[in-house]
Amino acid sequence: YSTDPAYVTVTEYSVVNSIKITLPRRAVSGDIDDNDIYG
């Protein structure tokens, strides 16, 4: 995703067989440079 790994979190939720990854958006949601307002 061409971002800094310091801002990426990977969280495992084994109880529900899921992994959640959070990372910064390339542009703020709704910004003129945003191409996917809902992500």
Full PDB file with SEQRES, HELIX, SHEET, SSBOND, CRYST1, ORIGX, SCALE, CONECT and MASTER records, all heavy atoms in Angstrom:
SEQRES   1 A   39  TYR SER THR ASP PRO ALA TYR VAL THR VAL THR GLU TYR          
SEQRES   2 A   39  SER VAL VAL ASN SER ILE LYS ILE THR LEU PRO ARG ARG          
SEQRES   3 A   39  ALA VAL SER GLY ASP ILE ASP ASP ASN ASP ILE TYR GLY          
HELIX    1 AA1 PRO A    5  TYR A    7  5                                   3    
HELIX    2 AA2 SER A   14  VAL A   16  5                                   3    
SHEET    1 AA1 2 THR A   9  TYR A  13  0                                        
SHEET    2 AA1 2 SER A  18  THR A  22 -1                                        
CRYST1    1.000    1.000    1.000  90.00  90.00  90.00 P 1           1          
ORIGX1      1.000000  0.000000  0.000000        0.00000                         
ORIGX2      0.000000  1.000000  0.000000        0.00000                         
ORIGX3      0.000000  0.000000  1.000000        0.00000                         
SCALE1      1.000000  0.000000  0.000000        0.00000                         
SCALE2      0.000000  1.000000  0.000000        0.00000                         
SCALE3      0.000000  0.000000  1.000000        0.00000                         
ATOM      1  N   TYR A   1       0.804  -1.223   0.000  1.00  0.00           N  
ATOM      2  CA  TYR A   1       0.000   0.000   0.000  1.00  0.00           C  
ATOM      3  C   TYR A   1       0.841   1.278   0.000  1.00  0.00           C  
ATOM      4  O   TYR A   1       0.305   2.368   0.194  1.00  0.00           O  
ATOM      5  CB  TYR A   1      -0.962  -0.016   1.197  1.00  0.00           C  
ATOM      6  CG  TYR A   1      -2.089  -0.988   0.978  1.00  0.00           C  
ATOM      7  CD1 TYR A   1      -1.977  -2.319   1.364  1.00  0.00           C  
ATOM      8  CD2 TYR A   1      -3.261  -0.596   0.349  1.00  0.00           C  
ATOM      9  CE1 TYR A   1      -3.001  -3.228   1.138  1.00  0.00           C  
ATOM     10  CE2 TYR A   1      -4.290  -1.488   0.113  1.00  0.00           C  
ATOM     11  CZ  TYR A   1      -4.151  -2.806   0.514  1.00  0.00           C  
ATOM     12  OH  TYR A   1      -5.165  -3.694   0.275  1.00  0.00           O  
ATOM     13  N   SER A   2       2.126   1.137  -0.231  1.00  0.00           N  
ATOM     14  CA  SER A   2       3.041   2.287  -0.316  1.00  0.00           C  
ATOM     15  C   SER A   2       2.885   3.235   0.863  1.00  0.00           C  
ATOM     16  O   SER A   2       2.630   4.434   0.703  1.00  0.00           O  
ATOM     17  CB  SER A   2       2.818   3.054  -1.626  1.00  0.00           C  
ATOM     18  OG  SER A   2       3.023   2.211  -2.728  1.00  0.00           O  
ATOM     19  N   THR A   3       3.011   2.669   2.055  1.00  0.00           N  
ATOM     20  CA  THR A   3       2.915   3.485   3.269  1.00  0.00           C  
ATOM     21  C   THR A   3       4.006   3.066   4.244  1.00  0.00           C  
ATOM     22  O   THR A   3       4.739   2.115   4.018  1.00  0.00           O  
ATOM     23  CB  THR A   3       1.504   3.368   3.891  1.00  0.00           C  
ATOM     24  OG1 THR A   3       1.345   4.396   4.869  1.00  0.00           O  
ATOM     25  CG2 THR A   3       1.256   2.012   4.497  1.00  0.00           C  
ATOM     26  N   ASP A   4       4.107   3.772   5.334  1.00  0.00           N  
ATOM     27  CA  ASP A   4       5.109   3.514   6.365  1.00  0.00           C  
ATOM     28  C   ASP A   4       4.643   2.364   7.259  1.00  0.00           C  
ATOM     29  O   ASP A   4       3.547   2.437   7.831  1.00  0.00           O  
ATOM     30  CB  ASP A   4       5.296   4.785   7.185  1.00  0.00           C  
ATOM     31  CG  ASP A   4       6.401   4.697   8.213  1.00  0.00           C  
ATOM     32  OD1 ASP A   4       6.813   3.577   8.586  1.00  0.00           O  
ATOM     33  OD2 ASP A   4       6.863   5.759   8.662  1.00  0.00           O  
ATOM     34  N   PRO A   5       5.449   1.308   7.410  1.00  0.00           N  
ATOM     35  CA  PRO A   5       5.034   0.184   8.259  1.00  0.00           C  
ATOM     36  C   PRO A   5       4.795   0.565   9.718  1.00  0.00           C  
ATOM     37  O   PRO A   5       4.071  -0.135  10.424  1.00  0.00           O  
ATOM     38  CB  PRO A   5       6.171  -0.827   8.134  1.00  0.00           C  
ATOM     39  CG  PRO A   5       7.293  -0.125   7.484  1.00  0.00           C  
ATOM     40  CD  PRO A   5       6.745   1.083   6.791  1.00  0.00           C  
ATOM     41  N   ALA A   6       5.337   1.672  10.160  1.00  0.00           N  
ATOM     42  CA  ALA A   6       5.121   2.107  11.540  1.00  0.00           C  
ATOM     43  C   ALA A   6       3.656   2.444  11.801  1.00  0.00           C  
ATOM     44  O   ALA A   6       3.212   2.445  12.948  1.00  0.00           O  
ATOM     45  CB  ALA A   6       6.003   3.321  11.852  1.00  0.00           C  
ATOM     46  N   TYR A   7       2.904   2.708  10.731  1.00  0.00           N  
ATOM     47  CA  TYR A   7       1.494   3.074  10.873  1.00  0.00           C  
ATOM     48  C   TYR A   7       0.526   1.943  10.527  1.00  0.00           C  
ATOM     49  O   TYR A   7      -0.676   2.161  10.455  1.00  0.00           O  
ATOM     50  CB  TYR A   7       1.177   4.294  10.011  1.00  0.00           C  
ATOM     51  CG  TYR A   7       1.958   5.510  10.430  1.00  0.00           C  
ATOM     52  CD1 TYR A   7       2.954   6.026   9.620  1.00  0.00           C  
ATOM     53  CD2 TYR A   7       1.716   6.110  11.654  1.00  0.00           C  
ATOM     54  CE1 TYR A   7       3.690   7.129  10.004  1.00  0.00           C  
ATOM     55  CE2 TYR A   7       2.441   7.215  12.053  1.00  0.00           C  
ATOM     56  CZ  TYR A   7       3.420   7.721  11.228  1.00  0.00           C  
ATOM     57  OH  TYR A   7       4.151   8.810  11.621  1.00  0.00           O  
ATOM     58  N   VAL A   8       1.058   0.755  10.293  1.00  0.00           N  
ATOM     59  CA  VAL A   8       0.228  -0.403   9.929  1.00  0.00           C  
ATOM     60  C   VAL A   8       0.122  -1.332  11.138  1.00  0.00           C  
ATOM     61  O   VAL A   8       1.131  -1.692  11.740  1.00  0.00           O  
ATOM     62  CB  VAL A   8       0.840  -1.176   8.744  1.00  0.00           C  
ATOM     63  CG1 VAL A   8       0.013  -2.418   8.425  1.00  0.00           C  
ATOM     64  CG2 VAL A   8       0.962  -0.275   7.519  1.00  0.00           C  
ATOM     65  N   THR A   9      -1.103  -1.694  11.491  1.00  0.00           N  
ATOM     66  CA  THR A   9      -1.298  -2.681  12.561  1.00  0.00           C  
ATOM     67  C   THR A   9      -2.001  -3.909  11.993  1.00  0.00           C  
ATOM     68  O   THR A   9      -2.900  -3.794  11.160  1.00  0.00           O  
ATOM     69  CB  THR A   9      -2.131  -2.123  13.737  1.00  0.00           C  
ATOM     70  OG1 THR A   9      -3.411  -1.747  13.261  1.00  0.00           O  
ATOM     71  CG2 THR A   9      -1.453  -0.936  14.391  1.00  0.00           C  
ATOM     72  N   VAL A  10      -1.548  -5.066  12.450  1.00  0.00           N  
ATOM     73  CA  VAL A  10      -2.139  -6.341  12.055  1.00  0.00           C  
ATOM     74  C   VAL A  10      -2.562  -7.027  13.348  1.00  0.00           C  
ATOM     75  O   VAL A  10      -1.725  -7.313  14.204  1.00  0.00           O  
ATOM     76  CB  VAL A  10      -1.135  -7.217  11.279  1.00  0.00           C  
ATOM     77  CG1 VAL A  10      -1.758  -8.555  10.923  1.00  0.00           C  
ATOM     78  CG2 VAL A  10      -0.632  -6.493  10.035  1.00  0.00           C  
ATOM     79  N   THR A  11      -3.856  -7.264  13.487  1.00  0.00           N  
ATOM     80  CA  THR A  11      -4.400  -7.835  14.715  1.00  0.00           C  
ATOM     81  C   THR A  11      -5.119  -9.134  14.399  1.00  0.00           C  
ATOM     82  O   THR A  11      -5.992  -9.164  13.533  1.00  0.00           O  
ATOM     83  CB  THR A  11      -5.380  -6.846  15.384  1.00  0.00           C  
ATOM     84  OG1 THR A  11      -4.742  -5.578  15.529  1.00  0.00           O  
ATOM     85  CG2 THR A  11      -5.815  -7.353  16.744  1.00  0.00           C  
ATOM     86  N   GLU A  12      -4.746 -10.182  15.106  1.00  0.00           N  
ATOM     87  CA  GLU A  12      -5.377 -11.489  14.925  1.00  0.00           C  
ATOM     88  C   GLU A  12      -6.505 -11.668  15.933  1.00  0.00           C  
ATOM     89  O   GLU A  12      -6.337 -11.363  17.112  1.00  0.00           O  
ATOM     90  CB  GLU A  12      -4.348 -12.597  15.125  1.00  0.00           C  
ATOM     91  CG  GLU A  12      -3.167 -12.509  14.189  1.00  0.00           C  
ATOM     92  CD  GLU A  12      -2.007 -13.386  14.640  1.00  0.00           C  
ATOM     93  OE1 GLU A  12      -2.202 -14.294  15.477  1.00  0.00           O  
ATOM     94  OE2 GLU A  12      -0.893 -13.144  14.148  1.00  0.00           O  
ATOM     95  N   TYR A  13      -7.633 -12.158  15.450  1.00  0.00           N  
ATOM     96  CA  TYR A  13      -8.774 -12.476  16.301  1.00  0.00           C  
ATOM     97  C   TYR A  13      -9.108 -13.952  16.094  1.00  0.00           C  
ATOM     98  O   TYR A  13     -10.001 -14.303  15.322  1.00  0.00           O  
ATOM     99  CB  TYR A  13      -9.982 -11.593  15.956  1.00  0.00           C  
ATOM    100  CG  TYR A  13      -9.758 -10.132  16.240  1.00  0.00           C  
ATOM    101  CD1 TYR A  13      -9.433  -9.247  15.217  1.00  0.00           C  
ATOM    102  CD2 TYR A  13      -9.877  -9.633  17.527  1.00  0.00           C  
ATOM    103  CE1 TYR A  13      -9.220  -7.898  15.476  1.00  0.00           C  
ATOM    104  CE2 TYR A  13      -9.671  -8.296  17.797  1.00  0.00           C  
ATOM    105  CZ  TYR A  13      -9.343  -7.434  16.768  1.00  0.00           C  
ATOM    106  OH  TYR A  13      -9.130  -6.100  17.026  1.00  0.00           O  
ATOM    107  N   SER A  14      -8.358 -14.820  16.771  1.00  0.00           N  
ATOM    108  CA  SER A  14      -8.510 -16.255  16.541  1.00  0.00           C  
ATOM    109  C   SER A  14      -9.881 -16.788  16.957  1.00  0.00           C  
ATOM    110  O   SER A  14     -10.347 -17.779  16.401  1.00  0.00           O  
ATOM    111  CB  SER A  14      -7.394 -17.024  17.252  1.00  0.00           C  
ATOM    112  OG  SER A  14      -7.398 -16.745  18.624  1.00  0.00           O  
ATOM    113  N   VAL A  15     -10.531 -16.139  17.903  1.00  0.00           N  
ATOM    114  CA  VAL A  15     -11.859 -16.582  18.348  1.00  0.00           C  
ATOM    115  C   VAL A  15     -12.858 -16.576  17.191  1.00  0.00           C  
ATOM    116  O   VAL A  15     -13.743 -17.426  17.121  1.00  0.00           O  
ATOM    117  CB  VAL A  15     -12.370 -15.704  19.507  1.00  0.00           C  
ATOM    118  CG1 VAL A  15     -13.802 -16.016  19.859  1.00  0.00           C  
ATOM    119  CG2 VAL A  15     -11.478 -15.864  20.721  1.00  0.00           C  
ATOM    120  N   VAL A  16     -12.689 -15.638  16.263  1.00  0.00           N  
ATOM    121  CA  VAL A  16     -13.609 -15.535  15.130  1.00  0.00           C  
ATOM    122  C   VAL A  16     -12.899 -15.762  13.786  1.00  0.00           C  
ATOM    123  O   VAL A  16     -13.418 -15.387  12.736  1.00  0.00           O  
ATOM    124  CB  VAL A  16     -14.355 -14.183  15.134  1.00  0.00           C  
ATOM    125  CG1 VAL A  16     -15.339 -14.115  16.281  1.00  0.00           C  
ATOM    126  CG2 VAL A  16     -13.387 -13.016  15.174  1.00  0.00           C  
ATOM    127  N   ASN A  17     -11.716 -16.355  13.819  1.00  0.00           N  
ATOM    128  CA  ASN A  17     -10.963 -16.687  12.604  1.00  0.00           C  
ATOM    129  C   ASN A  17     -10.808 -15.486  11.670  1.00  0.00           C  
ATOM    130  O   ASN A  17     -11.088 -15.565  10.471  1.00  0.00           O  
ATOM    131  CB  ASN A  17     -11.620 -17.848  11.850  1.00  0.00           C  
ATOM    132  CG  ASN A  17     -11.638 -19.115  12.646  1.00  0.00           C  
ATOM    133  OD1 ASN A  17     -10.695 -19.414  13.373  1.00  0.00           O  
ATOM    134  ND2 ASN A  17     -12.708 -19.879  12.541  1.00  0.00           N  
ATOM    135  N   SER A  18     -10.353 -14.374  12.229  1.00  0.00           N  
ATOM    136  CA  SER A  18     -10.238 -13.144  11.453  1.00  0.00           C  
ATOM    137  C   SER A  18      -8.946 -12.401  11.758  1.00  0.00           C  
ATOM    138  O   SER A  18      -8.371 -12.533  12.829  1.00  0.00           O  
ATOM    139  CB  SER A  18     -11.409 -12.207  11.761  1.00  0.00           C  
ATOM    140  OG  SER A  18     -12.624 -12.819  11.414  1.00  0.00           O  
ATOM    141  N   ILE A  19      -8.531 -11.612  10.793  1.00  0.00           N  
ATOM    142  CA  ILE A  19      -7.378 -10.729  10.932  1.00  0.00           C  
ATOM    143  C   ILE A  19      -7.827  -9.342  10.497  1.00  0.00           C  
ATOM    144  O   ILE A  19      -8.472  -9.184   9.450  1.00  0.00           O  
ATOM    145  CB  ILE A  19      -6.201 -11.203  10.057  1.00  0.00           C  
ATOM    146  CG1 ILE A  19      -5.772 -12.616  10.465  1.00  0.00           C  
ATOM    147  CG2 ILE A  19      -5.038 -10.217  10.151  1.00  0.00           C  
ATOM    148  CD1 ILE A  19      -4.791 -13.262   9.505  1.00  0.00           C  
ATOM    149  N   LYS A  20      -7.488  -8.349  11.290  1.00  0.00           N  
ATOM    150  CA  LYS A  20      -7.832  -6.958  10.981  1.00  0.00           C  
ATOM    151  C   LYS A  20      -6.534  -6.198  10.755  1.00  0.00           C  
ATOM    152  O   LYS A  20      -5.620  -6.259  11.569  1.00  0.00           O  
ATOM    153  CB  LYS A  20      -8.609  -6.333  12.143  1.00  0.00           C  
ATOM    154  CG  LYS A  20      -8.934  -4.877  11.946  1.00  0.00           C  
ATOM    155  CD  LYS A  20      -9.686  -4.342  13.146  1.00  0.00           C  
ATOM    156  CE  LYS A  20      -9.928  -2.864  13.006  1.00  0.00           C  
ATOM    157  NZ  LYS A  20     -10.740  -2.343  14.096  1.00  0.00           N  
ATOM    158  N   ILE A  21      -6.482  -5.494   9.648  1.00  0.00           N  
ATOM    159  CA  ILE A  21      -5.315  -4.680   9.309  1.00  0.00           C  
ATOM    160  C   ILE A  21      -5.778  -3.236   9.206  1.00  0.00           C  
ATOM    161  O   ILE A  21      -6.753  -2.937   8.515  1.00  0.00           O  
ATOM    162  CB  ILE A  21      -4.699  -5.130   7.972  1.00  0.00           C  
ATOM    163  CG1 ILE A  21      -4.301  -6.608   8.057  1.00  0.00           C  
ATOM    164  CG2 ILE A  21      -3.517  -4.245   7.600  1.00  0.00           C  
ATOM    165  CD1 ILE A  21      -3.984  -7.234   6.721  1.00  0.00           C  
ATOM    166  N   THR A  22      -5.090  -2.342   9.898  1.00  0.00           N  
ATOM    167  CA  THR A  22      -5.422  -0.919   9.841  1.00  0.00           C  
ATOM    168  C   THR A  22      -4.218  -0.164   9.306  1.00  0.00           C  
ATOM    169  O   THR A  22      -3.083  -0.415   9.721  1.00  0.00           O  
ATOM    170  CB  THR A  22      -5.820  -0.394  11.232  1.00  0.00           C  
ATOM    171  OG1 THR A  22      -6.900  -1.186  11.724  1.00  0.00           O  
ATOM    172  CG2 THR A  22      -6.261   1.051  11.173  1.00  0.00           C  
ATOM    173  N   LEU A  23      -4.467   0.745   8.368  1.00  0.00           N  
ATOM    174  CA  LEU A  23      -3.402   1.534   7.776  1.00  0.00           C  
ATOM    175  C   LEU A  23      -3.935   2.894   7.366  1.00  0.00           C  
ATOM    176  O   LEU A  23      -5.147   3.069   7.228  1.00  0.00           O  
ATOM    177  CB  LEU A  23      -2.804   0.811   6.556  1.00  0.00           C  
ATOM    178  CG  LEU A  23      -3.717   0.532   5.385  1.00  0.00           C  
ATOM    179  CD1 LEU A  23      -2.920   0.617   4.089  1.00  0.00           C  
ATOM    180  CD2 LEU A  23      -4.307  -0.852   5.516  1.00  0.00           C  
ATOM    181  N   PRO A  24      -3.052   3.868   7.177  1.00  0.00           N  
ATOM    182  CA  PRO A  24      -3.519   5.206   6.800  1.00  0.00           C  
ATOM    183  C   PRO A  24      -4.029   5.243   5.361  1.00  0.00           C  
ATOM    184  O   PRO A  24      -3.515   4.535   4.491  1.00  0.00           O  
ATOM    185  CB  PRO A  24      -2.277   6.081   6.959  1.00  0.00           C  
ATOM    186  CG  PRO A  24      -1.121   5.155   6.974  1.00  0.00           C  
ATOM    187  CD  PRO A  24      -1.612   3.819   7.388  1.00  0.00           C  
ATOM    188  N   ARG A  25      -5.053   6.054   5.131  1.00  0.00           N  
ATOM    189  CA  ARG A  25      -5.560   6.274   3.776  1.00  0.00           C  
ATOM    190  C   ARG A  25      -4.554   7.124   3.004  1.00  0.00           C  
ATOM    191  O   ARG A  25      -3.830   7.931   3.591  1.00  0.00           O  
ATOM    192  CB  ARG A  25      -6.893   7.019   3.824  1.00  0.00           C  
ATOM    193  CG  ARG A  25      -8.030   6.197   4.395  1.00  0.00           C  
ATOM    194  CD  ARG A  25      -9.300   7.024   4.422  1.00  0.00           C  
ATOM    195  NE  ARG A  25      -9.647   7.520   3.096  1.00  0.00           N  
ATOM    196  CZ  ARG A  25     -10.540   6.950   2.289  1.00  0.00           C  
ATOM    197  NH1 ARG A  25     -11.200   5.886   2.685  1.00  0.00           N  
ATOM    198  NH2 ARG A  25     -10.792   7.463   1.104  1.00  0.00           N  
ATOM    199  N   ARG A  26      -4.529   6.992   1.706  1.00  0.00           N  
ATOM    200  CA  ARG A  26      -3.647   7.824   0.870  1.00  0.00           C  
ATOM    201  C   ARG A  26      -4.139   9.265   0.821  1.00  0.00           C  
ATOM    202  O   ARG A  26      -3.357  10.200   0.706  1.00  0.00           O  
ATOM    203  CB  ARG A  26      -3.576   7.271  -0.538  1.00  0.00           C  
ATOM    204  CG  ARG A  26      -2.832   5.968  -0.590  1.00  0.00           C  
ATOM    205  CD  ARG A  26      -2.687   5.483  -1.990  1.00  0.00           C  
ATOM    206  NE  ARG A  26      -2.137   4.135  -1.956  1.00  0.00           N  
ATOM    207  CZ  ARG A  26      -1.707   3.492  -2.985  1.00  0.00           C  
ATOM    208  NH1 ARG A  26      -1.749   4.060  -4.167  1.00  0.00           N  
ATOM    209  NH2 ARG A  26      -1.230   2.268  -2.865  1.00  0.00           N  
ATOM    210  N   ALA A  27      -5.443   9.431   0.869  1.00  0.00           N  
ATOM    211  CA  ALA A  27      -6.059  10.760   0.897  1.00  0.00           C  
ATOM    212  C   ALA A  27      -7.192  10.714   1.905  1.00  0.00           C  
ATOM    213  O   ALA A  27      -7.825   9.677   2.096  1.00  0.00           O  
ATOM    214  CB  ALA A  27      -6.597  11.133  -0.483  1.00  0.00           C  
ATOM    215  N   VAL A  28      -7.453  11.812   2.558  1.00  0.00           N  
ATOM    216  CA  VAL A  28      -8.544  11.895   3.519  1.00  0.00           C  
ATOM    217  C   VAL A  28      -9.851  11.582   2.789  1.00  0.00           C  
ATOM    218  O   VAL A  28     -10.068  12.023   1.658  1.00  0.00           O  
ATOM    219  CB  VAL A  28      -8.595  13.302   4.148  1.00  0.00           C  
ATOM    220  CG1 VAL A  28      -9.814  13.455   5.046  1.00  0.00           C  
ATOM    221  CG2 VAL A  28      -7.317  13.583   4.919  1.00  0.00           C  
ATOM    222  N   SER A  29     -10.714  10.812   3.437  1.00  0.00           N  
ATOM    223  CA  SER A  29     -11.997  10.456   2.833  1.00  0.00           C  
ATOM    224  C   SER A  29     -12.765  11.716   2.445  1.00  0.00           C  
ATOM    225  O   SER A  29     -12.959  12.611   3.261  1.00  0.00           O  
ATOM    226  CB  SER A  29     -12.825   9.623   3.825  1.00  0.00           C  
ATOM    227  OG  SER A  29     -14.068   9.282   3.269  1.00  0.00           O  
ATOM    228  N   GLY A  30     -13.162  11.786   1.186  1.00  0.00           N  
ATOM    229  CA  GLY A  30     -13.906  12.936   0.690  1.00  0.00           C  
ATOM    230  C   GLY A  30     -13.043  14.030   0.097  1.00  0.00           C  
ATOM    231  O   GLY A  30     -13.560  14.966  -0.504  1.00  0.00           O  
ATOM    232  N   ASP A  31     -11.726  13.927   0.242  1.00  0.00           N  
ATOM    233  CA  ASP A  31     -10.807  14.905  -0.325  1.00  0.00           C  
ATOM    234  C   ASP A  31     -10.888  14.857  -1.851  1.00  0.00           C  
ATOM    235  O   ASP A  31     -11.267  13.840  -2.436  1.00  0.00           O  
ATOM    236  CB  ASP A  31      -9.380  14.584   0.133  1.00  0.00           C  
ATOM    237  CG  ASP A  31      -8.378  15.624  -0.300  1.00  0.00           C  
ATOM    238  OD1 ASP A  31      -8.261  16.647   0.402  1.00  0.00           O  
ATOM    239  OD2 ASP A  31      -7.703  15.404  -1.328  1.00  0.00           O  
ATOM    240  N   ILE A  32     -10.516  15.918  -2.498  1.00  0.00           N  
ATOM    241  CA  ILE A  32     -10.559  15.957  -3.965  1.00  0.00           C  
ATOM    242  C   ILE A  32      -9.676  14.869  -4.588  1.00  0.00           C  
ATOM    243  O   ILE A  32      -9.952  14.378  -5.680  1.00  0.00           O  
ATOM    244  CB  ILE A  32     -10.177  17.348  -4.500  1.00  0.00           C  
ATOM    245  CG1 ILE A  32     -10.508  17.435  -5.985  1.00  0.00           C  
ATOM    246  CG2 ILE A  32      -8.717  17.657  -4.277  1.00  0.00           C  
ATOM    247  CD1 ILE A  32     -11.307  18.593  -6.365  1.00  0.00           C  
ATOM    248  N   ASP A  33      -8.628  14.443  -3.901  1.00  0.00           N  
ATOM    249  CA  ASP A  33      -7.738  13.395  -4.402  1.00  0.00           C  
ATOM    250  C   ASP A  33      -8.213  11.989  -4.044  1.00  0.00           C  
ATOM    251  O   ASP A  33      -7.593  11.010  -4.454  1.00  0.00           O  
ATOM    252  CB  ASP A  33      -6.324  13.595  -3.855  1.00  0.00           C  
ATOM    253  CG  ASP A  33      -5.668  14.849  -4.394  1.00  0.00           C  
ATOM    254  OD1 ASP A  33      -5.937  15.198  -5.565  1.00  0.00           O  
ATOM    255  OD2 ASP A  33      -4.894  15.482  -3.665  1.00  0.00           O  
ATOM    256  N   ASP A  34      -9.288  11.873  -3.302  1.00  0.00           N  
ATOM    257  CA  ASP A  34      -9.798  10.572  -2.874  1.00  0.00           C  
ATOM    258  C   ASP A  34     -10.584   9.918  -4.004  1.00  0.00           C  
ATOM    259  O   ASP A  34     -11.463  10.529  -4.591  1.00  0.00           O  
ATOM    260  CB  ASP A  34     -10.694  10.742  -1.639  1.00  0.00           C  
ATOM    261  CG  ASP A  34     -11.176   9.428  -1.073  1.00  0.00           C  
ATOM    262  OD1 ASP A  34     -10.524   8.390  -1.326  1.00  0.00           O  
ATOM    263  OD2 ASP A  34     -12.202   9.426  -0.374  1.00  0.00           O  
ATOM    264  N   ASN A  35     -10.259   8.654  -4.296  1.00  0.00           N  
ATOM    265  CA  ASN A  35     -10.972   7.949  -5.357  1.00  0.00           C  
ATOM    266  C   ASN A  35     -11.920   6.873  -4.829  1.00  0.00           C  
ATOM    267  O   ASN A  35     -12.489   6.111  -5.602  1.00  0.00           O  
ATOM    268  CB  ASN A  35      -9.985   7.342  -6.358  1.00  0.00           C  
ATOM    269  CG  ASN A  35      -9.074   6.324  -5.720  1.00  0.00           C  
ATOM    270  OD1 ASN A  35      -9.156   6.051  -4.537  1.00  0.00           O  
ATOM    271  ND2 ASN A  35      -8.186   5.765  -6.523  1.00  0.00           N  
ATOM    272  N   ASP A  36     -12.075   6.793  -3.520  1.00  0.00           N  
ATOM    273  CA  ASP A  36     -12.949   5.772  -2.914  1.00  0.00           C  
ATOM    274  C   ASP A  36     -13.412   6.291  -1.554  1.00  0.00           C  
ATOM    275  O   ASP A  36     -12.850   5.949  -0.522  1.00  0.00           O  
ATOM    276  CB  ASP A  36     -12.177   4.466  -2.776  1.00  0.00           C  
ATOM    277  CG  ASP A  36     -13.010   3.322  -2.233  1.00  0.00           C  
ATOM    278  OD1 ASP A  36     -14.231   3.482  -2.056  1.00  0.00           O  
ATOM    279  OD2 ASP A  36     -12.433   2.255  -1.967  1.00  0.00           O  
ATOM    280  N   ILE A  37     -14.425   7.113  -1.549  1.00  0.00           N  
ATOM    281  CA  ILE A  37     -14.850   7.830  -0.349  1.00  0.00           C  
ATOM    282  C   ILE A  37     -15.156   6.911   0.834  1.00  0.00           C  
ATOM    283  O   ILE A  37     -14.913   7.254   1.975  1.00  0.00           O  
ATOM    284  CB  ILE A  37     -16.037   8.767  -0.647  1.00  0.00           C  
ATOM    285  CG1 ILE A  37     -16.220   9.767   0.482  1.00  0.00           C  
ATOM    286  CG2 ILE A  37     -17.296   7.981  -0.910  1.00  0.00           C  
ATOM    287  CD1 ILE A  37     -17.119  10.925   0.138  1.00  0.00           C  
ATOM    288  N   TYR A  38     -15.654   5.707   0.566  1.00  0.00           N  
ATOM    289  CA  TYR A  38     -16.008   4.774   1.643  1.00  0.00           C  
ATOM    290  C   TYR A  38     -14.889   3.778   1.962  1.00  0.00           C  
ATOM    291  O   TYR A  38     -14.998   3.006   2.903  1.00  0.00           O  
ATOM    292  CB  TYR A  38     -17.291   4.020   1.300  1.00  0.00           C  
ATOM    293  CG  TYR A  38     -18.459   4.936   1.104  1.00  0.00           C  
ATOM    294  CD1 TYR A  38     -19.040   5.087  -0.133  1.00  0.00           C  
ATOM    295  CD2 TYR A  38     -18.967   5.682   2.168  1.00  0.00           C  
ATOM    296  CE1 TYR A  38     -20.105   5.949  -0.316  1.00  0.00           C  
ATOM    297  CE2 TYR A  38     -20.024   6.544   1.994  1.00  0.00           C  
ATOM    298  CZ  TYR A  38     -20.590   6.673   0.744  1.00  0.00           C  
ATOM    299  OH  TYR A  38     -21.645   7.539   0.566  1.00  0.00           O  
ATOM    300  N   GLY A  39     -13.852   3.771   1.161  1.00  0.00           N  
ATOM    301  CA  GLY A  39     -12.741   2.848   1.400  1.00  0.00           C  
ATOM    302  C   GLY A  39     -13.083   1.401   1.122  1.00  0.00           C  
ATOM    303  O   GLY A  39     -12.381   0.499   1.570  1.00  0.00           O  
TER     304      GLY A  39                                                      
MASTER        0    0    0    2    2    0    0    6  303    1    0    3          
END                                                                             
